[in-house]
Amino acid sequence: MAIAPRRFVNHPAEFEGFRDRVNRLLAFHGWHLTEHSKFRSVNPAATINEARERTGRLNTELERRKVHPDVLAFWKIDHAVIWLHEHPP
């Protein structure tokens, strides 16, 4: 399984980033991918902001844990790419 946590044992921040991106998309369909790679049903997100709010907590947690600045930079770039994809010019 591509989302098995054991694949990310040496890179937990990558797993959380991957899970965050997946959950942002799943939020609109009423699903959430847990830290155990199990799907659970949730109330569907009605707006992009609501979906982001649900997953945006990760960035705060990464900063609290003092994750390497390169990881945070990649994280911010990834969010920008997703935003541009969702809001084409």
N, C-alpha and C. Protein backbone atom coordinates (compact mmCIF):
# COMPACT_ATOMS: atom_id res chain seq x y z
N MET A 1 0.84 -1.18 0.00
CA MET A 1 0.00 0.00 0.00
C MET A 1 0.89 1.25 0.00
N ALA A 2 0.66 2.17 -0.90
CA ALA A 2 1.48 3.36 -1.06
C ALA A 2 1.43 4.29 0.15
N ILE A 3 0.38 4.20 0.94
CA ILE A 3 0.25 5.12 2.07
C ILE A 3 0.55 4.45 3.41
N ALA A 4 1.19 3.29 3.38
CA ALA A 4 1.55 2.59 4.60
C ALA A 4 2.57 3.41 5.38
N PRO A 5 2.31 3.66 6.66
CA PRO A 5 3.25 4.46 7.47
C PRO A 5 4.66 3.86 7.51
N ARG A 6 4.77 2.54 7.40
CA ARG A 6 6.11 1.92 7.47
C ARG A 6 7.01 2.38 6.33
N ARG A 7 6.42 2.83 5.23
CA ARG A 7 7.24 3.33 4.11
C ARG A 7 7.91 4.65 4.46
N PHE A 8 7.42 5.32 5.49
CA PHE A 8 7.93 6.63 5.86
C PHE A 8 8.60 6.62 7.23
N VAL A 9 8.99 5.45 7.72
CA VAL A 9 9.51 5.35 9.08
C VAL A 9 10.70 6.28 9.32
N ASN A 10 11.52 6.50 8.33
CA ASN A 10 12.67 7.39 8.49
C ASN A 10 12.38 8.82 8.07
N HIS A 11 11.15 9.07 7.60
CA HIS A 11 10.77 10.39 7.12
C HIS A 11 9.34 10.73 7.55
N PRO A 12 9.11 10.84 8.87
CA PRO A 12 7.74 11.07 9.35
C PRO A 12 7.13 12.37 8.84
N ALA A 13 7.92 13.39 8.63
CA ALA A 13 7.38 14.66 8.12
C ALA A 13 6.86 14.49 6.69
N GLU A 14 7.51 13.65 5.90
CA GLU A 14 7.03 13.38 4.54
C GLU A 14 5.68 12.68 4.57
N PHE A 15 5.55 11.72 5.50
CA PHE A 15 4.27 11.02 5.62
C PHE A 15 3.16 12.00 6.00
N GLU A 16 3.44 12.87 6.96
CA GLU A 16 2.43 13.83 7.39
C GLU A 16 2.09 14.80 6.26
N GLY A 17 3.08 15.19 5.48
CA GLY A 17 2.83 16.06 4.33
C GLY A 17 1.97 15.38 3.29
N PHE A 18 2.30 14.12 3.01
CA PHE A 18 1.52 13.34 2.05
C PHE A 18 0.08 13.19 2.54
N ARG A 19 -0.06 12.83 3.82
CA ARG A 19 -1.38 12.63 4.40
C ARG A 19 -2.19 13.93 4.38
N ASP A 20 -1.53 15.04 4.63
CA ASP A 20 -2.20 16.34 4.60
C ASP A 20 -2.75 16.64 3.21
N ARG A 21 -1.94 16.41 2.17
CA ARG A 21 -2.39 16.67 0.80
C ARG A 21 -3.57 15.77 0.44
N VAL A 22 -3.49 14.51 0.81
CA VAL A 22 -4.58 13.58 0.54
C VAL A 22 -5.84 14.03 1.28
N ASN A 23 -5.69 14.38 2.54
CA ASN A 23 -6.85 14.79 3.34
C ASN A 23 -7.50 16.06 2.83
N ARG A 24 -6.71 16.95 2.25
CA ARG A 24 -7.28 18.18 1.71
C ARG A 24 -8.26 17.85 0.58
N LEU A 25 -7.92 16.87 -0.23
CA LEU A 25 -8.80 16.46 -1.32
C LEU A 25 -9.97 15.61 -0.81
N LEU A 26 -9.68 14.71 0.11
CA LEU A 26 -10.72 13.83 0.64
C LEU A 26 -11.78 14.60 1.45
N ALA A 27 -11.39 15.73 2.03
CA ALA A 27 -12.30 16.49 2.88
C ALA A 27 -13.60 16.83 2.16
N PHE A 28 -13.53 17.07 0.87
CA PHE A 28 -14.72 17.43 0.10
C PHE A 28 -15.64 16.23 -0.13
N HIS A 29 -15.11 15.04 0.06
CA HIS A 29 -15.89 13.82 -0.18
C HIS A 29 -16.31 13.15 1.13
N GLY A 30 -15.96 13.79 2.26
CA GLY A 30 -16.37 13.26 3.55
C GLY A 30 -15.50 12.14 4.08
N TRP A 31 -14.21 12.18 3.74
CA TRP A 31 -13.29 11.16 4.21
C TRP A 31 -12.05 11.79 4.82
N HIS A 32 -11.38 11.04 5.68
CA HIS A 32 -10.14 11.49 6.33
C HIS A 32 -9.21 10.30 6.45
N LEU A 33 -7.95 10.49 6.09
CA LEU A 33 -6.94 9.46 6.22
C LEU A 33 -6.23 9.66 7.56
N THR A 34 -6.33 8.67 8.46
CA THR A 34 -5.75 8.81 9.79
C THR A 34 -4.26 8.53 9.76
N GLU A 35 -3.61 8.77 10.89
CA GLU A 35 -2.17 8.52 10.99
C GLU A 35 -1.84 7.03 10.89
N HIS A 36 -2.85 6.18 11.01
CA HIS A 36 -2.68 4.73 10.88
C HIS A 36 -3.02 4.24 9.47
N SER A 37 -3.18 5.18 8.54
CA SER A 37 -3.53 4.89 7.15
C SER A 37 -4.87 4.19 7.03
N LYS A 38 -5.79 4.57 7.88
CA LYS A 38 -7.16 4.07 7.82
C LYS A 38 -8.05 5.24 7.42
N PHE A 39 -9.04 4.96 6.60
CA PHE A 39 -9.98 6.00 6.21
C PHE A 39 -11.14 6.01 7.18
N ARG A 40 -11.58 7.23 7.54
CA ARG A 40 -12.76 7.34 8.37
C ARG A 40 -13.68 8.39 7.77
N SER A 41 -14.93 8.22 8.03
CA SER A 41 -15.95 9.14 7.50
C SER A 41 -16.00 10.40 8.36
N VAL A 42 -16.09 11.56 7.70
CA VAL A 42 -16.22 12.85 8.37
C VAL A 42 -17.26 13.67 7.61
N ASN A 43 -17.68 14.77 8.20
CA ASN A 43 -18.58 15.67 7.49
C ASN A 43 -17.82 16.29 6.32
N PRO A 44 -18.39 16.29 5.13
CA PRO A 44 -17.70 16.87 3.97
C PRO A 44 -17.42 18.36 4.16
N ALA A 45 -16.28 18.80 3.69
CA ALA A 45 -15.95 20.23 3.71
C ALA A 45 -16.78 20.92 2.64
N ALA A 46 -17.23 22.12 2.96
CA ALA A 46 -18.06 22.87 2.01
C ALA A 46 -17.25 23.89 1.22
N THR A 47 -16.09 24.28 1.75
CA THR A 47 -15.29 25.31 1.09
C THR A 47 -13.82 24.90 1.07
N ILE A 48 -13.05 25.55 0.21
CA ILE A 48 -11.60 25.32 0.17
C ILE A 48 -10.98 25.71 1.50
N ASN A 49 -11.42 26.83 2.06
CA ASN A 49 -10.87 27.26 3.34
C ASN A 49 -11.13 26.25 4.44
N GLU A 50 -12.30 25.64 4.44
CA GLU A 50 -12.60 24.63 5.45
C GLU A 50 -11.69 23.42 5.29
N ALA A 51 -11.47 22.99 4.07
CA ALA A 51 -10.57 21.86 3.83
C ALA A 51 -9.15 22.20 4.26
N ARG A 52 -8.70 23.39 3.96
CA ARG A 52 -7.36 23.81 4.36
C ARG A 52 -7.24 23.93 5.87
N GLU A 53 -8.29 24.45 6.50
CA GLU A 53 -8.26 24.60 7.95
C GLU A 53 -8.09 23.24 8.63
N ARG A 54 -8.75 22.25 8.11
CA ARG A 54 -8.64 20.91 8.69
C ARG A 54 -7.22 20.37 8.58
N THR A 55 -6.53 20.69 7.51
CA THR A 55 -5.19 20.15 7.30
C THR A 55 -4.09 21.15 7.65
N GLY A 56 -4.42 22.42 7.81
CA GLY A 56 -3.41 23.44 8.10
C GLY A 56 -2.76 23.32 9.46
N ARG A 57 -3.33 22.54 10.32
CA ARG A 57 -2.77 22.38 11.65
C ARG A 57 -1.40 21.72 11.59
N LEU A 58 -1.15 20.98 10.53
CA LEU A 58 0.13 20.29 10.40
C LEU A 58 1.29 21.27 10.33
N ASN A 59 1.15 22.34 9.57
CA ASN A 59 2.23 23.31 9.45
C ASN A 59 2.62 23.87 10.82
N THR A 60 1.63 24.18 11.64
CA THR A 60 1.88 24.69 12.99
C THR A 60 2.62 23.64 13.81
N GLU A 61 2.19 22.40 13.70
CA GLU A 61 2.83 21.32 14.45
C GLU A 61 4.27 21.09 13.99
N LEU A 62 4.52 21.17 12.68
CA LEU A 62 5.89 21.01 12.18
C LEU A 62 6.79 22.11 12.73
N GLU A 63 6.30 23.34 12.78
CA GLU A 63 7.09 24.44 13.33
C GLU A 63 7.33 24.24 14.82
N ARG A 64 6.31 23.76 15.53
CA ARG A 64 6.46 23.53 16.97
C ARG A 64 7.54 22.48 17.24
N ARG A 65 7.61 21.49 16.37
CA ARG A 65 8.60 20.42 16.55
C ARG A 65 9.97 20.79 16.00
N LYS A 66 10.09 22.01 15.52
CA LYS A 66 11.36 22.51 14.99
C LYS A 66 11.90 21.64 13.85
N VAL A 67 11.01 21.35 12.91
CA VAL A 67 11.39 20.59 11.73
C VAL A 67 12.39 21.42 10.92
N HIS A 68 13.27 20.74 10.25
CA HIS A 68 14.32 21.41 9.47
C HIS A 68 13.70 22.44 8.53
N PRO A 69 14.31 23.62 8.41
CA PRO A 69 13.77 24.68 7.54
C PRO A 69 13.57 24.27 6.09
N ASP A 70 14.39 23.35 5.58
CA ASP A 70 14.20 22.90 4.19
C ASP A 70 12.88 22.16 4.02
N VAL A 71 12.49 21.40 5.03
CA VAL A 71 11.21 20.70 4.98
C VAL A 71 10.08 21.71 4.95
N LEU A 72 10.18 22.73 5.80
CA LEU A 72 9.14 23.77 5.83
C LEU A 72 9.09 24.54 4.51
N ALA A 73 10.24 24.80 3.92
CA ALA A 73 10.27 25.51 2.64
C ALA A 73 9.59 24.67 1.56
N PHE A 74 9.91 23.38 1.52
CA PHE A 74 9.26 22.49 0.56
C PHE A 74 7.76 22.48 0.80
N TRP A 75 7.39 22.42 2.06
CA TRP A 75 5.97 22.40 2.45
C TRP A 75 5.24 23.63 1.90
N LYS A 76 5.85 24.80 2.05
CA LYS A 76 5.21 26.04 1.58
C LYS A 76 5.14 26.08 0.05
N ILE A 77 6.17 25.59 -0.62
CA ILE A 77 6.16 25.53 -2.08
C ILE A 77 5.05 24.59 -2.54
N ASP A 78 4.94 23.45 -1.89
CA ASP A 78 3.92 22.48 -2.24
C ASP A 78 2.52 23.10 -2.09
N HIS A 79 2.30 23.82 -1.02
CA HIS A 79 1.00 24.48 -0.83
C HIS A 79 0.75 25.51 -1.93
N ALA A 80 1.79 26.23 -2.34
CA ALA A 80 1.63 27.23 -3.39
C ALA A 80 1.27 26.56 -4.72
N VAL A 81 1.90 25.44 -5.02
CA VAL A 81 1.60 24.72 -6.26
C VAL A 81 0.16 24.25 -6.26
N ILE A 82 -0.29 23.73 -5.15
CA ILE A 82 -1.68 23.27 -5.04
C ILE A 82 -2.63 24.44 -5.22
N TRP A 83 -2.32 25.57 -4.59
CA TRP A 83 -3.18 26.74 -4.70
C TRP A 83 -3.26 27.20 -6.17
N LEU A 84 -2.12 27.23 -6.84
CA LEU A 84 -2.13 27.66 -8.24
C LEU A 84 -2.91 26.68 -9.11
N HIS A 85 -2.83 25.41 -8.78
CA HIS A 85 -3.59 24.41 -9.52
C HIS A 85 -5.09 24.62 -9.32
N GLU A 86 -5.48 24.97 -8.10
CA GLU A 86 -6.90 25.18 -7.80
C GLU A 86 -7.42 26.52 -8.31
N HIS A 87 -6.51 27.47 -8.55
CA HIS A 87 -6.90 28.83 -8.98
C HIS A 87 -6.13 29.22 -10.23
N PRO A 88 -6.40 28.60 -11.35
CA PRO A 88 -5.64 28.92 -12.57
C PRO A 88 -5.87 30.37 -12.99
N PRO A 89 -4.86 30.96 -13.62
CA PRO A 89 -4.99 32.37 -14.05
C PRO A 89 -6.03 32.56 -15.15
